[in-house]
Amino acid sequence: PGGEPVRVPEADAGELVALGRLEGVATGAVLGDPG
């Protein structure tokens, strides 16, 4: 909000959020259901 990062406990379906420390996860990767 306002362009400044604010940590939140969860994100709902449809949201775009930033996730921390997913090192090794490439751009385009799908998490939660490989299928």
ModelCIF file with pLDDT and N, C-alpha, C, O atoms, coordinates in Angstrom:
data_MODEL
#
_entry.id   MODEL 
#
_entity.id                         1 
_entity.type                       polymer 
_entity.pdbx_number_of_molecules   1 
#
_entity_poly.entity_id                      1 
_entity_poly.type                           'polypeptide(L)' 
_entity_poly.nstd_linkage                   no 
_entity_poly.nstd_monomer                   no 
_entity_poly.pdbx_seq_one_letter_code       PGGEPVRVPEADAGELVALGRLEGVATGAVLGDPG 
_entity_poly.pdbx_seq_one_letter_code_can   PGGEPVRVPEADAGELVALGRLEGVATGAVLGDPG 
_entity_poly.pdbx_strand_id                 A 
#
loop_
_entity_poly_seq.entity_id 
_entity_poly_seq.num 
_entity_poly_seq.mon_id 
_entity_poly_seq.hetero 
1 1  PRO n 
1 2  GLY n 
1 3  GLY n 
1 4  GLU n 
1 5  PRO n 
1 6  VAL n 
1 7  ARG n 
1 8  VAL n 
1 9  PRO n 
1 10 GLU n 
1 11 ALA n 
1 12 ASP n 
1 13 ALA n 
1 14 GLY n 
1 15 GLU n 
1 16 LEU n 
1 17 VAL n 
1 18 ALA n 
1 19 LEU n 
1 20 GLY n 
1 21 ARG n 
1 22 LEU n 
1 23 GLU n 
1 24 GLY n 
1 25 VAL n 
1 26 ALA n 
1 27 THR n 
1 28 GLY n 
1 29 ALA n 
1 30 VAL n 
1 31 LEU n 
1 32 GLY n 
1 33 ASP n 
1 34 PRO n 
1 35 GLY n 
#
_struct_asym.id          A 
_struct_asym.entity_id   1 
#
loop_
_ma_qa_metric.id 
_ma_qa_metric.mode 
_ma_qa_metric.name 
_ma_qa_metric.software_group_id 
_ma_qa_metric.type 
1 global pLDDT . pLDDT 
2 local  pLDDT . pLDDT 
#
_ma_qa_metric_global.metric_id      1 
_ma_qa_metric_global.metric_value   92.03 
_ma_qa_metric_global.model_id       1 
_ma_qa_metric_global.ordinal_id     1 
#
loop_
_ma_qa_metric_local.label_asym_id 
_ma_qa_metric_local.label_comp_id 
_ma_qa_metric_local.label_seq_id 
_ma_qa_metric_local.metric_id 
_ma_qa_metric_local.metric_value 
_ma_qa_metric_local.model_id 
_ma_qa_metric_local.ordinal_id 
A PRO 1  2 95.00 1 1  
A GLY 2  2 88.00 1 2  
A GLY 3  2 89.00 1 3  
A GLU 4  2 92.00 1 4  
A PRO 5  2 94.00 1 5  
A VAL 6  2 96.00 1 6  
A ARG 7  2 96.00 1 7  
A VAL 8  2 97.00 1 8  
A PRO 9  2 97.00 1 9  
A GLU 10 2 96.00 1 10 
A ALA 11 2 97.00 1 11 
A ASP 12 2 96.00 1 12 
A ALA 13 2 95.00 1 13 
A GLY 14 2 96.00 1 14 
A GLU 15 2 97.00 1 15 
A LEU 16 2 98.00 1 16 
A VAL 17 2 97.00 1 17 
A ALA 18 2 97.00 1 18 
A LEU 19 2 96.00 1 19 
A GLY 20 2 94.00 1 20 
A ARG 21 2 89.00 1 21 
A LEU 22 2 90.00 1 22 
A GLU 23 2 84.00 1 23 
A GLY 24 2 82.00 1 24 
A VAL 25 2 88.00 1 25 
A ALA 26 2 87.00 1 26 
A THR 27 2 90.00 1 27 
A GLY 28 2 92.00 1 28 
A ALA 29 2 91.00 1 29 
A VAL 30 2 94.00 1 30 
A LEU 31 2 94.00 1 31 
A GLY 32 2 92.00 1 32 
A ASP 33 2 87.00 1 33 
A PRO 34 2 77.00 1 34 
A GLY 35 2 81.00 1 35 
#
loop_
_atom_site.group_PDB 
_atom_site.id 
_atom_site.type_symbol 
_atom_site.label_atom_id 
_atom_site.label_alt_id 
_atom_site.label_comp_id 
_atom_site.label_asym_id 
_atom_site.label_entity_id 
_atom_site.label_seq_id 
_atom_site.pdbx_PDB_ins_code 
_atom_site.Cartn_x 
_atom_site.Cartn_y 
_atom_site.Cartn_z 
_atom_site.occupancy 
_atom_site.B_iso_or_equiv 
_atom_site.pdbx_formal_charge 
_atom_site.auth_seq_id 
_atom_site.auth_comp_id 
_atom_site.auth_asym_id 
_atom_site.auth_atom_id 
_atom_site.pdbx_PDB_model_num 
ATOM 1   N N  . PRO A 1 1  ? 0.856  -1.200  0.000   1.00 95.00 ? 1  PRO A N  1 
ATOM 2   C CA . PRO A 1 1  ? 0.000  0.000   0.000   1.00 95.00 ? 1  PRO A CA 1 
ATOM 3   C C  . PRO A 1 1  ? 0.890  1.247   0.000   1.00 95.00 ? 1  PRO A C  1 
ATOM 4   O O  . PRO A 1 1  ? 1.850  1.342   0.764   1.00 95.00 ? 1  PRO A O  1 
ATOM 5   N N  . GLY A 1 2  ? 0.549  2.196   -0.871  1.00 88.00 ? 2  GLY A N  1 
ATOM 6   C CA . GLY A 1 2  ? 1.383  3.389   -0.971  1.00 88.00 ? 2  GLY A CA 1 
ATOM 7   C C  . GLY A 1 2  ? 2.767  3.097   -1.491  1.00 88.00 ? 2  GLY A C  1 
ATOM 8   O O  . GLY A 1 2  ? 3.673  3.917   -1.342  1.00 88.00 ? 2  GLY A O  1 
ATOM 9   N N  . GLY A 1 3  ? 2.944  1.943   -2.100  1.00 89.00 ? 3  GLY A N  1 
ATOM 10  C CA . GLY A 1 3  ? 4.237  1.579   -2.652  1.00 89.00 ? 3  GLY A CA 1 
ATOM 11  C C  . GLY A 1 3  ? 5.238  1.098   -1.632  1.00 89.00 ? 3  GLY A C  1 
ATOM 12  O O  . GLY A 1 3  ? 6.375  0.793   -1.992  1.00 89.00 ? 3  GLY A O  1 
ATOM 13  N N  . GLU A 1 4  ? 4.854  1.018   -0.360  1.00 92.00 ? 4  GLU A N  1 
ATOM 14  C CA . GLU A 1 4  ? 5.768  0.604   0.701   1.00 92.00 ? 4  GLU A CA 1 
ATOM 15  C C  . GLU A 1 4  ? 5.429  -0.802  1.170   1.00 92.00 ? 4  GLU A C  1 
ATOM 16  O O  . GLU A 1 4  ? 4.251  -1.132  1.311   1.00 92.00 ? 4  GLU A O  1 
ATOM 17  N N  . PRO A 1 5  ? 6.438  -1.641  1.414   1.00 94.00 ? 5  PRO A N  1 
ATOM 18  C CA . PRO A 1 5  ? 6.165  -3.018  1.843   1.00 94.00 ? 5  PRO A CA 1 
ATOM 19  C C  . PRO A 1 5  ? 5.577  -3.088  3.249   1.00 94.00 ? 5  PRO A C  1 
ATOM 20  O O  . PRO A 1 5  ? 6.070  -2.447  4.176   1.00 94.00 ? 5  PRO A O  1 
ATOM 21  N N  . VAL A 1 6  ? 4.524  -3.870  3.386   1.00 96.00 ? 6  VAL A N  1 
ATOM 22  C CA . VAL A 1 6  ? 3.890  -4.100  4.681   1.00 96.00 ? 6  VAL A CA 1 
ATOM 23  C C  . VAL A 1 6  ? 3.690  -5.606  4.835   1.00 96.00 ? 6  VAL A C  1 
ATOM 24  O O  . VAL A 1 6  ? 3.064  -6.246  3.989   1.00 96.00 ? 6  VAL A O  1 
ATOM 25  N N  . ARG A 1 7  ? 4.214  -6.155  5.898   1.00 96.00 ? 7  ARG A N  1 
ATOM 26  C CA . ARG A 1 7  ? 4.110  -7.605  6.099   1.00 96.00 ? 7  ARG A CA 1 
ATOM 27  C C  . ARG A 1 7  ? 2.700  -7.966  6.562   1.00 96.00 ? 7  ARG A C  1 
ATOM 28  O O  . ARG A 1 7  ? 2.125  -7.299  7.423   1.00 96.00 ? 7  ARG A O  1 
ATOM 29  N N  . VAL A 1 8  ? 2.152  -9.036  5.976   1.00 97.00 ? 8  VAL A N  1 
ATOM 30  C CA . VAL A 1 8  ? 0.805  -9.495  6.317   1.00 97.00 ? 8  VAL A CA 1 
ATOM 31  C C  . VAL A 1 8  ? 0.857  -10.992 6.593   1.00 97.00 ? 8  VAL A C  1 
ATOM 32  O O  . VAL A 1 8  ? 1.761  -11.678 6.116   1.00 97.00 ? 8  VAL A O  1 
ATOM 33  N N  . PRO A 1 9  ? -0.099 -11.501 7.356   1.00 97.00 ? 9  PRO A N  1 
ATOM 34  C CA . PRO A 1 9  ? -0.056 -12.924 7.722   1.00 97.00 ? 9  PRO A CA 1 
ATOM 35  C C  . PRO A 1 9  ? -0.511 -13.863 6.613   1.00 97.00 ? 9  PRO A C  1 
ATOM 36  O O  . PRO A 1 9  ? -0.141 -15.037 6.606   1.00 97.00 ? 9  PRO A O  1 
ATOM 37  N N  . GLU A 1 10 ? -1.315 -13.356 5.671   1.00 96.00 ? 10 GLU A N  1 
ATOM 38  C CA . GLU A 1 10 ? -1.843 -14.228 4.632   1.00 96.00 ? 10 GLU A CA 1 
ATOM 39  C C  . GLU A 1 10 ? -2.270 -13.421 3.416   1.00 96.00 ? 10 GLU A C  1 
ATOM 40  O O  . GLU A 1 10 ? -2.404 -12.199 3.474   1.00 96.00 ? 10 GLU A O  1 
ATOM 41  N N  . ALA A 1 11 ? -2.480 -14.130 2.319   1.00 97.00 ? 11 ALA A N  1 
ATOM 42  C CA . ALA A 1 11 ? -2.945 -13.503 1.077   1.00 97.00 ? 11 ALA A CA 1 
ATOM 43  C C  . ALA A 1 11 ? -4.045 -14.359 0.481   1.00 97.00 ? 11 ALA A C  1 
ATOM 44  O O  . ALA A 1 11 ? -3.965 -15.588 0.476   1.00 97.00 ? 11 ALA A O  1 
ATOM 45  N N  . ASP A 1 12 ? -5.084 -13.685 -0.027  1.00 96.00 ? 12 ASP A N  1 
ATOM 46  C CA . ASP A 1 12 ? -6.241 -14.381 -0.586  1.00 96.00 ? 12 ASP A CA 1 
ATOM 47  C C  . ASP A 1 12 ? -6.053 -14.683 -2.071  1.00 96.00 ? 12 ASP A C  1 
ATOM 48  O O  . ASP A 1 12 ? -5.177 -14.125 -2.732  1.00 96.00 ? 12 ASP A O  1 
ATOM 49  N N  . ALA A 1 13 ? -6.896 -15.579 -2.576  1.00 95.00 ? 13 ALA A N  1 
ATOM 50  C CA . ALA A 1 13 ? -6.895 -15.893 -4.002  1.00 95.00 ? 13 ALA A CA 1 
ATOM 51  C C  . ALA A 1 13 ? -7.154 -14.622 -4.802  1.00 95.00 ? 13 ALA A C  1 
ATOM 52  O O  . ALA A 1 13 ? -8.060 -13.851 -4.484  1.00 95.00 ? 13 ALA A O  1 
ATOM 53  N N  . GLY A 1 14 ? -6.365 -14.415 -5.826  1.00 96.00 ? 14 GLY A N  1 
ATOM 54  C CA . GLY A 1 14 ? -6.492 -13.229 -6.661  1.00 96.00 ? 14 GLY A CA 1 
ATOM 55  C C  . GLY A 1 14 ? -5.480 -12.154 -6.338  1.00 96.00 ? 14 GLY A C  1 
ATOM 56  O O  . GLY A 1 14 ? -5.292 -11.233 -7.133  1.00 96.00 ? 14 GLY A O  1 
ATOM 57  N N  . GLU A 1 15 ? -4.819 -12.243 -5.191  1.00 97.00 ? 15 GLU A N  1 
ATOM 58  C CA . GLU A 1 15 ? -3.860 -11.209 -4.799  1.00 97.00 ? 15 GLU A CA 1 
ATOM 59  C C  . GLU A 1 15 ? -2.499 -11.434 -5.441  1.00 97.00 ? 15 GLU A C  1 
ATOM 60  O O  . GLU A 1 15 ? -2.091 -12.564 -5.707  1.00 97.00 ? 15 GLU A O  1 
ATOM 61  N N  . LEU A 1 16 ? -1.808 -10.321 -5.683  1.00 98.00 ? 16 LEU A N  1 
ATOM 62  C CA . LEU A 1 16 ? -0.398 -10.340 -6.058  1.00 98.00 ? 16 LEU A CA 1 
ATOM 63  C C  . LEU A 1 16 ? 0.380  -9.868  -4.848  1.00 98.00 ? 16 LEU A C  1 
ATOM 64  O O  . LEU A 1 16 ? 0.122  -8.782  -4.329  1.00 98.00 ? 16 LEU A O  1 
ATOM 65  N N  . VAL A 1 17 ? 1.327  -10.670 -4.392  1.00 97.00 ? 17 VAL A N  1 
ATOM 66  C CA . VAL A 1 17 ? 2.089  -10.344 -3.186  1.00 97.00 ? 17 VAL A CA 1 
ATOM 67  C C  . VAL A 1 17 ? 3.554  -10.704 -3.400  1.00 97.00 ? 17 VAL A C  1 
ATOM 68  O O  . VAL A 1 17 ? 3.910  -11.422 -4.334  1.00 97.00 ? 17 VAL A O  1 
ATOM 69  N N  . ALA A 1 18 ? 4.384  -10.188 -2.514  1.00 97.00 ? 18 ALA A N  1 
ATOM 70  C CA . ALA A 1 18 ? 5.802  -10.543 -2.514  1.00 97.00 ? 18 ALA A CA 1 
ATOM 71  C C  . ALA A 1 18 ? 6.052  -11.560 -1.414  1.00 97.00 ? 18 ALA A C  1 
ATOM 72  O O  . ALA A 1 18 ? 5.559  -11.414 -0.295  1.00 97.00 ? 18 ALA A O  1 
ATOM 73  N N  . LEU A 1 19 ? 6.820  -12.589 -1.739  1.00 96.00 ? 19 LEU A N  1 
ATOM 74  C CA . LEU A 1 19 ? 7.105  -13.677 -0.809  1.00 96.00 ? 19 LEU A CA 1 
ATOM 75  C C  . LEU A 1 19 ? 8.599  -13.697 -0.518  1.00 96.00 ? 19 LEU A C  1 
ATOM 76  O O  . LEU A 1 19 ? 9.423  -13.537 -1.419  1.00 96.00 ? 19 LEU A O  1 
ATOM 77  N N  . GLY A 1 20 ? 8.936  -13.895 0.750   1.00 94.00 ? 20 GLY A N  1 
ATOM 78  C CA . GLY A 1 20 ? 10.336 -13.866 1.146   1.00 94.00 ? 20 GLY A CA 1 
ATOM 79  C C  . GLY A 1 20 ? 10.997 -15.225 1.148   1.00 94.00 ? 20 GLY A C  1 
ATOM 80  O O  . GLY A 1 20 ? 10.377 -16.243 1.453   1.00 94.00 ? 20 GLY A O  1 
ATOM 81  N N  . ARG A 1 21 ? 12.286 -15.215 0.794   1.00 89.00 ? 21 ARG A N  1 
ATOM 82  C CA . ARG A 1 21 ? 13.192 -16.360 0.935   1.00 89.00 ? 21 ARG A CA 1 
ATOM 83  C C  . ARG A 1 21 ? 12.746 -17.611 0.187   1.00 89.00 ? 21 ARG A C  1 
ATOM 84  O O  . ARG A 1 21 ? 12.813 -18.717 0.725   1.00 89.00 ? 21 ARG A O  1 
ATOM 85  N N  . LEU A 1 22 ? 12.293 -17.440 -1.043  1.00 90.00 ? 22 LEU A N  1 
ATOM 86  C CA . LEU A 1 22 ? 12.024 -18.610 -1.880  1.00 90.00 ? 22 LEU A CA 1 
ATOM 87  C C  . LEU A 1 22 ? 13.235 -18.851 -2.789  1.00 90.00 ? 22 LEU A C  1 
ATOM 88  O O  . LEU A 1 22 ? 13.099 -18.926 -4.010  1.00 90.00 ? 22 LEU A O  1 
ATOM 89  N N  . GLU A 1 23 ? 14.409 -18.969 -2.182  1.00 84.00 ? 23 GLU A N  1 
ATOM 90  C CA . GLU A 1 23 ? 15.633 -19.083 -2.956  1.00 84.00 ? 23 GLU A CA 1 
ATOM 91  C C  . GLU A 1 23 ? 15.635 -20.386 -3.755  1.00 84.00 ? 23 GLU A C  1 
ATOM 92  O O  . GLU A 1 23 ? 15.281 -21.453 -3.253  1.00 84.00 ? 23 GLU A O  1 
ATOM 93  N N  . GLY A 1 24 ? 16.045 -20.257 -5.009  1.00 82.00 ? 24 GLY A N  1 
ATOM 94  C CA . GLY A 1 24 ? 16.082 -21.415 -5.893  1.00 82.00 ? 24 GLY A CA 1 
ATOM 95  C C  . GLY A 1 24 ? 14.800 -21.631 -6.671  1.00 82.00 ? 24 GLY A C  1 
ATOM 96  O O  . GLY A 1 24 ? 14.757 -22.482 -7.560  1.00 82.00 ? 24 GLY A O  1 
ATOM 97  N N  . VAL A 1 25 ? 13.744 -20.870 -6.355  1.00 88.00 ? 25 VAL A N  1 
ATOM 98  C CA . VAL A 1 25 ? 12.478 -20.983 -7.083  1.00 88.00 ? 25 VAL A CA 1 
ATOM 99  C C  . VAL A 1 25 ? 12.525 -20.021 -8.267  1.00 88.00 ? 25 VAL A C  1 
ATOM 100 O O  . VAL A 1 25 ? 12.641 -18.809 -8.081  1.00 88.00 ? 25 VAL A O  1 
ATOM 101 N N  . ALA A 1 26 ? 12.437 -20.552 -9.470  1.00 87.00 ? 26 ALA A N  1 
ATOM 102 C CA . ALA A 1 26 ? 12.638 -19.749 -10.673 1.00 87.00 ? 26 ALA A CA 1 
ATOM 103 C C  . ALA A 1 26 ? 11.391 -18.957 -11.041 1.00 87.00 ? 26 ALA A C  1 
ATOM 104 O O  . ALA A 1 26 ? 10.277 -19.306 -10.651 1.00 87.00 ? 26 ALA A O  1 
ATOM 105 N N  . THR A 1 27 ? 11.597 -17.895 -11.793 1.00 90.00 ? 27 THR A N  1 
ATOM 106 C CA . THR A 1 27 ? 10.487 -17.127 -12.354 1.00 90.00 ? 27 THR A CA 1 
ATOM 107 C C  . THR A 1 27 ? 9.628  -18.040 -13.225 1.00 90.00 ? 27 THR A C  1 
ATOM 108 O O  . THR A 1 27 ? 10.145 -18.767 -14.073 1.00 90.00 ? 27 THR A O  1 
ATOM 109 N N  . GLY A 1 28 ? 8.316  -17.998 -13.010 1.00 92.00 ? 28 GLY A N  1 
ATOM 110 C CA . GLY A 1 28 ? 7.395  -18.848 -13.762 1.00 92.00 ? 28 GLY A CA 1 
ATOM 111 C C  . GLY A 1 28 ? 7.011  -20.118 -13.037 1.00 92.00 ? 28 GLY A C  1 
ATOM 112 O O  . GLY A 1 28 ? 6.095  -20.819 -13.467 1.00 92.00 ? 28 GLY A O  1 
ATOM 113 N N  . ALA A 1 29 ? 7.696  -20.431 -11.937 1.00 91.00 ? 29 ALA A N  1 
ATOM 114 C CA . ALA A 1 29 ? 7.415  -21.676 -11.209 1.00 91.00 ? 29 ALA A CA 1 
ATOM 115 C C  . ALA A 1 29 ? 6.029  -21.638 -10.573 1.00 91.00 ? 29 ALA A C  1 
ATOM 116 O O  . ALA A 1 29 ? 5.545  -20.584 -10.160 1.00 91.00 ? 29 ALA A O  1 
ATOM 117 N N  . VAL A 1 30 ? 5.406  -22.808 -10.505 1.00 94.00 ? 30 VAL A N  1 
ATOM 118 C CA . VAL A 1 30 ? 4.096  -22.965 -9.875  1.00 94.00 ? 30 VAL A CA 1 
ATOM 119 C C  . VAL A 1 30 ? 4.280  -23.737 -8.578  1.00 94.00 ? 30 VAL A C  1 
ATOM 120 O O  . VAL A 1 30 ? 4.875  -24.815 -8.568  1.00 94.00 ? 30 VAL A O  1 
ATOM 121 N N  . LEU A 1 31 ? 3.767  -23.184 -7.486  1.00 94.00 ? 31 LEU A N  1 
ATOM 122 C CA . LEU A 1 31 ? 3.893  -23.803 -6.171  1.00 94.00 ? 31 LEU A CA 1 
ATOM 123 C C  . LEU A 1 31 ? 2.534  -24.285 -5.698  1.00 94.00 ? 31 LEU A C  1 
ATOM 124 O O  . LEU A 1 31 ? 1.535  -23.575 -5.811  1.00 94.00 ? 31 LEU A O  1 
ATOM 125 N N  . GLY A 1 32 ? 2.507  -25.494 -5.169  1.00 92.00 ? 32 GLY A N  1 
ATOM 126 C CA . GLY A 1 32 ? 1.279  -26.018 -4.577  1.00 92.00 ? 32 GLY A CA 1 
ATOM 127 C C  . GLY A 1 32 ? 0.664  -27.160 -5.340  1.00 92.00 ? 32 GLY A C  1 
ATOM 128 O O  . GLY A 1 32 ? 0.007  -28.012 -4.742  1.00 92.00 ? 32 GLY A O  1 
ATOM 129 N N  . ASP A 1 33 ? 0.856  -27.207 -6.654  1.00 87.00 ? 33 ASP A N  1 
ATOM 130 C CA . ASP A 1 33 ? 0.272  -28.271 -7.465  1.00 87.00 ? 33 ASP A CA 1 
ATOM 131 C C  . ASP A 1 33 ? 1.061  -28.372 -8.767  1.00 87.00 ? 33 ASP A C  1 
ATOM 132 O O  . ASP A 1 33 ? 0.759  -27.660 -9.725  1.00 87.00 ? 33 ASP A O  1 
ATOM 133 N N  . PRO A 1 34 ? 2.069  -29.248 -8.818  1.00 77.00 ? 34 PRO A N  1 
ATOM 134 C CA . PRO A 1 34 ? 2.889  -29.355 -10.026 1.00 77.00 ? 34 PRO A CA 1 
ATOM 135 C C  . PRO A 1 34 ? 2.077  -29.633 -11.285 1.00 77.00 ? 34 PRO A C  1 
ATOM 136 O O  . PRO A 1 34 ? 2.489  -29.265 -12.386 1.00 77.00 ? 34 PRO A O  1 
ATOM 137 N N  . GLY A 1 35 ? 0.932  -30.278 -11.128 1.00 81.00 ? 35 GLY A N  1 
ATOM 138 C CA . GLY A 1 35 ? 0.102  -30.584 -12.280 1.00 81.00 ? 35 GLY A CA 1 
ATOM 139 C C  . GLY A 1 35 ? -0.556 -29.373 -12.892 1.00 81.00 ? 35 GLY A C  1 
ATOM 140 O O  . GLY A 1 35 ? -1.286 -29.497 -13.876 1.00 81.00 ? 35 GLY A O  1 
#
